[in-house]
Amino acid sequence: MLPPKPDNAESALVIACGALVREIRAVWDQFPDSPLANVSYLPAPLHNRPEQIVPAIQEQLRAKEGTYSSVLLGYGDCGTGGHLDAFIDRWNSKDPSIPMRRMSGDHCYEFLTGSNAFAEIHEAELGTFFLTDFIVVNFDSLIWRGLGMDKHPELRDMYFGNYTRALYLAQEPTSVRIAAAEAAAAKLGLRFETHTTGFEPFREQLVSLARET
């Protein structure tokens, strides 16, 4: 269980990737008395433009200024090349009374599998492109059109030429999602495999982060 919210406490502010909406709700819906009242989701396509993630977080912080006592980021490094961690360090140095923390790990694939399991999966085949429930459902808009392959099919080999398989990390696998994931892998010219994660590894990390903050 999460620690109860004191009567005089402000809420923690959660700023998270829009690709994690369902996963975060699945966790926090179990804790109606948790101190998390303010949740803002940033557009998932920011992952195609990771240099825009920190500015987008800053914009949300300005919009919510004065309404939170701590900040939880539903992000890993997510391709920012250390810029997100540098921003967190600057924030915590400036005002340690409002602590900011992000989820540990480089990306949501690690959140969903757990760090140790992800390391094993990744090392087993380095040329792996990962799919999640969200990516599978939004593959065309997020990946195919989002990366411009609908207009320039030659980009597929530029982006994915060094990959060998597409691994579907399934939180709630259904026949429809599995079929869509397999179709996405075929579109990218990659061998297809599945690995069921469920929600528990993600839940454990998110609850741990909330306790720490």
C-alpha atoms as a PDB file:
ATOM      1  CA  MET A   1       0.000   0.000   0.000  1.00  0.00           C
ATOM      2  CA  LEU A   2       1.021   3.586  -0.526  1.00  0.00           C
ATOM      3  CA  PRO A   3       1.494   5.820   2.527  1.00  0.00           C
ATOM      4  CA  PRO A   4      -1.690   7.795   3.299  1.00  0.00           C
ATOM      5  CA  LYS A   5      -1.878  11.428   2.311  1.00  0.00           C
ATOM      6  CA  PRO A   6      -1.761  13.801   5.309  1.00  0.00           C
ATOM      7  CA  ASP A   7      -4.725  16.145   5.583  1.00  0.00           C
ATOM      8  CA  ASN A   8      -2.556  19.222   5.040  1.00  0.00           C
ATOM      9  CA  ALA A   9      -0.349  17.788   2.262  1.00  0.00           C
ATOM     10  CA  GLU A  10      -0.329  18.978  -1.296  1.00  0.00           C
ATOM     11  CA  SER A  11      -0.414  16.401  -4.042  1.00  0.00           C
ATOM     12  CA  ALA A  12       2.487  14.946  -5.905  1.00  0.00           C
ATOM     13  CA  LEU A  13       2.558  15.941  -9.549  1.00  0.00           C
ATOM     14  CA  VAL A  14       2.969  13.124 -12.043  1.00  0.00           C
ATOM     15  CA  ILE A  15       4.196  13.965 -15.537  1.00  0.00           C
ATOM     16  CA  ALA A  16       4.313  10.899 -17.710  1.00  0.00           C
ATOM     17  CA  CYS A  17       4.576   9.703 -21.263  1.00  0.00           C
ATOM     18  CA  GLY A  18       1.208   9.273 -22.939  1.00  0.00           C
ATOM     19  CA  ALA A  19       2.248   5.739 -23.882  1.00  0.00           C
ATOM     20  CA  LEU A  20       1.886   4.795 -20.197  1.00  0.00           C
ATOM     21  CA  VAL A  21      -1.623   6.125 -19.509  1.00  0.00           C
ATOM     22  CA  ARG A  22      -3.246   2.702 -19.203  1.00  0.00           C
ATOM     23  CA  GLU A  23      -0.411   1.246 -17.124  1.00  0.00           C
ATOM     24  CA  ILE A  24      -0.352   4.152 -14.651  1.00  0.00           C
ATOM     25  CA  ARG A  25      -4.116   4.098 -14.262  1.00  0.00           C
ATOM     26  CA  ALA A  26      -4.042   0.342 -13.704  1.00  0.00           C
ATOM     27  CA  VAL A  27      -1.711   0.918 -10.754  1.00  0.00           C
ATOM     28  CA  TRP A  28      -3.144   4.067  -9.153  1.00  0.00           C
ATOM     29  CA  ASP A  29      -6.773   2.996  -9.491  1.00  0.00           C
ATOM     30  CA  GLN A  30      -5.951   0.479  -6.780  1.00  0.00           C
ATOM     31  CA  PHE A  31      -5.016   3.295  -4.404  1.00  0.00           C
ATOM     32  CA  PRO A  32      -7.870   5.826  -4.192  1.00  0.00           C
ATOM     33  CA  ASP A  33      -6.301   7.439  -1.103  1.00  0.00           C
ATOM     34  CA  SER A  34      -2.871   7.896  -2.659  1.00  0.00           C
ATOM     35  CA  PRO A  35      -1.321  11.397  -2.693  1.00  0.00           C
ATOM     36  CA  LEU A  36      -1.346  11.487  -6.474  1.00  0.00           C
ATOM     37  CA  ALA A  37      -4.006  13.901  -7.638  1.00  0.00           C
ATOM     38  CA  ASN A  38      -2.295  15.796 -10.458  1.00  0.00           C
ATOM     39  CA  VAL A  39      -1.405  13.666 -13.462  1.00  0.00           C
ATOM     40  CA  SER A  40      -0.333  15.155 -16.793  1.00  0.00           C
ATOM     41  CA  TYR A  41       0.421  13.038 -19.835  1.00  0.00           C
ATOM     42  CA  LEU A  42       2.701  14.298 -22.585  1.00  0.00           C
ATOM     43  CA  PRO A  43       2.238  13.148 -26.196  1.00  0.00           C
ATOM     44  CA  ALA A  44       3.769   9.744 -26.886  1.00  0.00           C
ATOM     45  CA  PRO A  45       5.262  10.878 -30.248  1.00  0.00           C
ATOM     46  CA  LEU A  46       7.776  12.941 -28.263  1.00  0.00           C
ATOM     47  CA  HIS A  47       9.810   9.732 -28.295  1.00  0.00           C
ATOM     48  CA  ASN A  48      10.477  10.435 -31.945  1.00  0.00           C
ATOM     49  CA  ARG A  49      11.814  13.859 -30.874  1.00  0.00           C
ATOM     50  CA  PRO A  50      13.498  13.198 -27.505  1.00  0.00           C
ATOM     51  CA  GLU A  51      15.126  16.626 -27.473  1.00  0.00           C
ATOM     52  CA  GLN A  52      11.626  18.017 -26.880  1.00  0.00           C
ATOM     53  CA  ILE A  53      10.897  15.930 -23.753  1.00  0.00           C
ATOM     54  CA  VAL A  54      12.622  18.197 -21.207  1.00  0.00           C
ATOM     55  CA  PRO A  55      11.073  21.418 -22.612  1.00  0.00           C
ATOM     56  CA  ALA A  56       7.642  19.764 -22.528  1.00  0.00           C
ATOM     57  CA  ILE A  57       8.134  18.772 -18.890  1.00  0.00           C
ATOM     58  CA  GLN A  58       9.234  22.320 -18.043  1.00  0.00           C
ATOM     59  CA  GLU A  59       6.079  23.682 -19.652  1.00  0.00           C
ATOM     60  CA  GLN A  60       3.906  21.399 -17.525  1.00  0.00           C
ATOM     61  CA  LEU A  61       5.758  22.424 -14.375  1.00  0.00           C
ATOM     62  CA  ARG A  62       5.128  26.092 -15.145  1.00  0.00           C
ATOM     63  CA  ALA A  63       1.452  25.411 -15.816  1.00  0.00           C
ATOM     64  CA  LYS A  64       1.061  23.568 -12.500  1.00  0.00           C
ATOM     65  CA  GLU A  65       3.310  25.825 -10.419  1.00  0.00           C
ATOM     66  CA  GLY A  66       2.453  25.890  -6.735  1.00  0.00           C
ATOM     67  CA  THR A  67       0.048  22.928  -6.785  1.00  0.00           C
ATOM     68  CA  TYR A  68       2.395  20.078  -5.828  1.00  0.00           C
ATOM     69  CA  SER A  69       4.821  19.017  -3.116  1.00  0.00           C
ATOM     70  CA  SER A  70       6.896  16.596  -5.195  1.00  0.00           C
ATOM     71  CA  VAL A  71       7.254  15.542  -8.822  1.00  0.00           C
ATOM     72  CA  LEU A  72       7.226  12.027 -10.263  1.00  0.00           C
ATOM     73  CA  LEU A  73       8.279  11.568 -13.878  1.00  0.00           C
ATOM     74  CA  GLY A  74       6.901   8.612 -15.793  1.00  0.00           C
ATOM     75  CA  TYR A  75       9.962   8.602 -18.019  1.00  0.00           C
ATOM     76  CA  GLY A  76      13.283   6.840 -18.316  1.00  0.00           C
ATOM     77  CA  ASP A  77      16.096   8.556 -20.135  1.00  0.00           C
ATOM     78  CA  CYS A  78      13.981   7.911 -23.258  1.00  0.00           C
ATOM     79  CA  GLY A  79      16.648   8.979 -25.718  1.00  0.00           C
ATOM     80  CA  THR A  80      17.430  12.342 -24.132  1.00  0.00           C
ATOM     81  CA  GLY A  81      21.100  11.418 -23.836  1.00  0.00           C
ATOM     82  CA  GLY A  82      21.294  12.307 -20.145  1.00  0.00           C
ATOM     83  CA  HIS A  83      19.570  15.691 -20.531  1.00  0.00           C
ATOM     84  CA  LEU A  84      16.574  14.596 -18.457  1.00  0.00           C
ATOM     85  CA  ASP A  85      18.787  13.489 -15.574  1.00  0.00           C
ATOM     86  CA  ALA A  86      20.742  16.745 -15.782  1.00  0.00           C
ATOM     87  CA  PHE A  87      17.473  18.683 -15.567  1.00  0.00           C
ATOM     88  CA  ILE A  88      16.369  16.633 -12.539  1.00  0.00           C
ATOM     89  CA  ASP A  89      19.698  17.320 -10.821  1.00  0.00           C
ATOM     90  CA  ARG A  90      19.360  21.064 -11.445  1.00  0.00           C
ATOM     91  CA  TRP A  91      15.786  21.038 -10.126  1.00  0.00           C
ATOM     92  CA  ASN A  92      16.692  19.174  -6.943  1.00  0.00           C
ATOM     93  CA  SER A  93      19.700  21.412  -6.333  1.00  0.00           C
ATOM     94  CA  LYS A  94      17.594  24.540  -6.732  1.00  0.00           C
ATOM     95  CA  ASP A  95      14.751  23.497  -4.426  1.00  0.00           C
ATOM     96  CA  PRO A  96      15.236  20.190  -2.561  1.00  0.00           C
ATOM     97  CA  SER A  97      11.982  20.818  -0.663  1.00  0.00           C
ATOM     98  CA  ILE A  98      10.082  19.758  -3.813  1.00  0.00           C
ATOM     99  CA  PRO A  99      11.902  16.569  -4.816  1.00  0.00           C
ATOM    100  CA  MET A 100      11.789  15.288  -8.375  1.00  0.00           C
ATOM    101  CA  ARG A 101      12.403  11.661  -9.328  1.00  0.00           C
ATOM    102  CA  ARG A 102      12.009   9.643 -12.492  1.00  0.00           C
ATOM    103  CA  MET A 103      11.498   5.926 -12.980  1.00  0.00           C
ATOM    104  CA  SER A 104      14.752   3.998 -13.042  1.00  0.00           C
ATOM    105  CA  GLY A 105      15.880   2.590 -16.353  1.00  0.00           C
ATOM    106  CA  ASP A 106      16.362   3.836 -19.850  1.00  0.00           C
ATOM    107  CA  HIS A 107      12.870   3.358 -21.287  1.00  0.00           C
ATOM    108  CA  CYS A 108       9.401   1.910 -20.816  1.00  0.00           C
ATOM    109  CA  TYR A 109      10.474  -1.536 -22.032  1.00  0.00           C
ATOM    110  CA  GLU A 110      12.608  -1.810 -18.918  1.00  0.00           C
ATOM    111  CA  PHE A 111       9.717  -0.562 -16.745  1.00  0.00           C
ATOM    112  CA  LEU A 112       7.394  -3.205 -18.133  1.00  0.00           C
ATOM    113  CA  THR A 113       9.725  -6.193 -17.810  1.00  0.00           C
ATOM    114  CA  GLY A 114      11.817  -5.207 -14.800  1.00  0.00           C
ATOM    115  CA  SER A 115      15.484  -4.251 -15.138  1.00  0.00           C
ATOM    116  CA  ASN A 116      17.007  -7.699 -14.666  1.00  0.00           C
ATOM    117  CA  ALA A 117      14.593  -9.401 -17.047  1.00  0.00           C
ATOM    118  CA  PHE A 118      15.094  -6.703 -19.658  1.00  0.00           C
ATOM    119  CA  ALA A 119      18.878  -7.053 -19.487  1.00  0.00           C
ATOM    120  CA  GLU A 120      18.556 -10.778 -20.154  1.00  0.00           C
ATOM    121  CA  ILE A 121      16.123 -10.254 -23.036  1.00  0.00           C
ATOM    122  CA  HIS A 122      18.260  -7.534 -24.601  1.00  0.00           C
ATOM    123  CA  GLU A 123      21.520  -9.455 -24.303  1.00  0.00           C
ATOM    124  CA  ALA A 124      19.951 -12.589 -25.802  1.00  0.00           C
ATOM    125  CA  GLU A 125      19.527 -10.765 -29.125  1.00  0.00           C
ATOM    126  CA  LEU A 126      20.894  -7.249 -29.438  1.00  0.00           C
ATOM    127  CA  GLY A 127      19.078  -6.531 -32.705  1.00  0.00           C
ATOM    128  CA  THR A 128      15.633  -6.448 -31.087  1.00  0.00           C
ATOM    129  CA  PHE A 129      12.919  -3.892 -31.759  1.00  0.00           C
ATOM    130  CA  PHE A 130      10.406  -3.844 -28.922  1.00  0.00           C
ATOM    131  CA  LEU A 131       6.649  -3.513 -29.196  1.00  0.00           C
ATOM    132  CA  THR A 132       4.228  -2.824 -26.331  1.00  0.00           C
ATOM    133  CA  ASP A 133       0.442  -2.854 -26.176  1.00  0.00           C
ATOM    134  CA  PHE A 134       0.447   0.891 -26.871  1.00  0.00           C
ATOM    135  CA  ILE A 135       2.875   0.681 -29.778  1.00  0.00           C
ATOM    136  CA  VAL A 136       0.977  -2.213 -31.326  1.00  0.00           C
ATOM    137  CA  VAL A 137      -2.334  -0.348 -31.218  1.00  0.00           C
ATOM    138  CA  ASN A 138      -0.736   2.856 -32.526  1.00  0.00           C
ATOM    139  CA  PHE A 139       1.909   1.349 -34.800  1.00  0.00           C
ATOM    140  CA  ASP A 140       0.887   3.061 -38.016  1.00  0.00           C
ATOM    141  CA  SER A 141       0.595   6.564 -36.547  1.00  0.00           C
ATOM    142  CA  LEU A 142       3.521   6.314 -34.127  1.00  0.00           C
ATOM    143  CA  ILE A 143       6.054   4.266 -36.102  1.00  0.00           C
ATOM    144  CA  TRP A 144       5.113   3.826 -39.767  1.00  0.00           C
ATOM    145  CA  ARG A 145       3.775   7.312 -40.467  1.00  0.00           C
ATOM    146  CA  GLY A 146       5.499   8.905 -37.486  1.00  0.00           C
ATOM    147  CA  LEU A 147       8.900   8.034 -38.924  1.00  0.00           C
ATOM    148  CA  GLY A 148       7.873   8.900 -42.473  1.00  0.00           C
ATOM    149  CA  MET A 149       7.988   5.365 -43.880  1.00  0.00           C
ATOM    150  CA  ASP A 150       4.543   5.706 -45.439  1.00  0.00           C
ATOM    151  CA  LYS A 151       5.892   8.311 -47.852  1.00  0.00           C
ATOM    152  CA  HIS A 152       9.459   7.032 -48.031  1.00  0.00           C
ATOM    153  CA  PRO A 153       9.485   3.206 -47.759  1.00  0.00           C
ATOM    154  CA  GLU A 154      13.243   3.206 -48.273  1.00  0.00           C
ATOM    155  CA  LEU A 155      13.558   4.591 -44.757  1.00  0.00           C
ATOM    156  CA  ARG A 156      12.558   1.203 -43.366  1.00  0.00           C
ATOM    157  CA  ASP A 157      15.953  -0.302 -44.133  1.00  0.00           C
ATOM    158  CA  MET A 158      17.706   2.807 -42.826  1.00  0.00           C
ATOM    159  CA  TYR A 159      15.876   2.609 -39.504  1.00  0.00           C
ATOM    160  CA  PHE A 160      15.527  -1.148 -39.085  1.00  0.00           C
ATOM    161  CA  GLY A 161      18.244  -2.676 -41.258  1.00  0.00           C
ATOM    162  CA  ASN A 162      20.282  -3.695 -38.203  1.00  0.00           C
ATOM    163  CA  TYR A 163      17.348  -5.288 -36.373  1.00  0.00           C
ATOM    164  CA  THR A 164      16.640  -9.006 -36.567  1.00  0.00           C
ATOM    165  CA  ARG A 165      13.455  -9.484 -34.548  1.00  0.00           C
ATOM    166  CA  ALA A 166      10.402  -7.649 -33.217  1.00  0.00           C
ATOM    167  CA  LEU A 167       9.593  -8.711 -29.663  1.00  0.00           C
ATOM    168  CA  TYR A 168       6.105  -7.925 -28.417  1.00  0.00           C
ATOM    169  CA  LEU A 169       6.226  -7.170 -24.668  1.00  0.00           C
ATOM    170  CA  ALA A 170       2.573  -7.840 -23.945  1.00  0.00           C
ATOM    171  CA  GLN A 171       0.867  -6.416 -20.887  1.00  0.00           C
ATOM    172  CA  GLU A 172      -2.565  -7.807 -21.787  1.00  0.00           C
ATOM    173  CA  PRO A 173      -2.146 -10.013 -24.859  1.00  0.00           C
ATOM    174  CA  THR A 174      -5.268 -10.673 -26.893  1.00  0.00           C
ATOM    175  CA  SER A 175      -5.640 -12.437 -30.212  1.00  0.00           C
ATOM    176  CA  VAL A 176      -6.282  -9.070 -31.879  1.00  0.00           C
ATOM    177  CA  ARG A 177      -3.173  -7.440 -30.370  1.00  0.00           C
ATOM    178  CA  ILE A 178      -0.962 -10.428 -31.133  1.00  0.00           C
ATOM    179  CA  ALA A 179      -2.149 -10.419 -34.744  1.00  0.00           C
ATOM    180  CA  ALA A 180      -1.507  -6.664 -34.982  1.00  0.00           C
ATOM    181  CA  ALA A 181       1.969  -7.081 -33.476  1.00  0.00           C
ATOM    182  CA  GLU A 182       2.788  -9.847 -35.932  1.00  0.00           C
ATOM    183  CA  ALA A 183       1.593  -7.656 -38.811  1.00  0.00           C
ATOM    184  CA  ALA A 184       3.788  -4.803 -37.566  1.00  0.00           C
ATOM    185  CA  ALA A 185       6.808  -7.109 -37.454  1.00  0.00           C
ATOM    186  CA  ALA A 186       6.099  -8.284 -40.997  1.00  0.00           C
ATOM    187  CA  LYS A 187       5.817  -4.685 -42.173  1.00  0.00           C
ATOM    188  CA  LEU A 188       9.274  -4.027 -40.761  1.00  0.00           C
ATOM    189  CA  GLY A 189      10.659  -7.252 -42.204  1.00  0.00           C
ATOM    190  CA  LEU A 190      11.526  -8.681 -38.778  1.00  0.00           C
ATOM    191  CA  ARG A 191      11.114 -12.079 -37.142  1.00  0.00           C
ATOM    192  CA  PHE A 192       8.265 -11.980 -34.613  1.00  0.00           C
ATOM    193  CA  GLU A 193       8.234 -13.195 -31.000  1.00  0.00           C
ATOM    194  CA  THR A 194       6.136 -12.456 -27.917  1.00  0.00           C
ATOM    195  CA  HIS A 195       6.907 -12.127 -24.209  1.00  0.00           C
ATOM    196  CA  THR A 196       4.122 -11.554 -21.673  1.00  0.00           C
ATOM    197  CA  THR A 197       5.027  -9.054 -18.943  1.00  0.00           C
ATOM    198  CA  GLY A 198       1.702  -8.320 -17.262  1.00  0.00           C
ATOM    199  CA  PHE A 199       1.547  -5.201 -15.062  1.00  0.00           C
ATOM    200  CA  GLU A 200       3.389  -6.351 -11.934  1.00  0.00           C
ATOM    201  CA  PRO A 201       6.969  -5.216 -12.783  1.00  0.00           C
ATOM    202  CA  PHE A 202       5.625  -1.770 -13.706  1.00  0.00           C
ATOM    203  CA  ARG A 203       3.485  -1.622 -10.583  1.00  0.00           C
ATOM    204  CA  GLU A 204       6.417  -2.492  -8.319  1.00  0.00           C
ATOM    205  CA  GLN A 205       8.592   0.255  -9.745  1.00  0.00           C
ATOM    206  CA  LEU A 206       5.904   2.946  -9.713  1.00  0.00           C
ATOM    207  CA  VAL A 207       4.913   2.240  -6.103  1.00  0.00           C
ATOM    208  CA  SER A 208       8.585   2.213  -5.102  1.00  0.00           C
ATOM    209  CA  LEU A 209       9.087   5.587  -6.806  1.00  0.00           C
ATOM    210  CA  ALA A 210       6.088   7.103  -5.013  1.00  0.00           C
ATOM    211  CA  ARG A 211       7.357   5.890  -1.652  1.00  0.00           C
ATOM    212  CA  GLU A 212      10.832   7.271  -2.328  1.00  0.00           C
ATOM    213  CA  THR A 213       9.510  10.683  -3.299  1.00  0.00           C
END
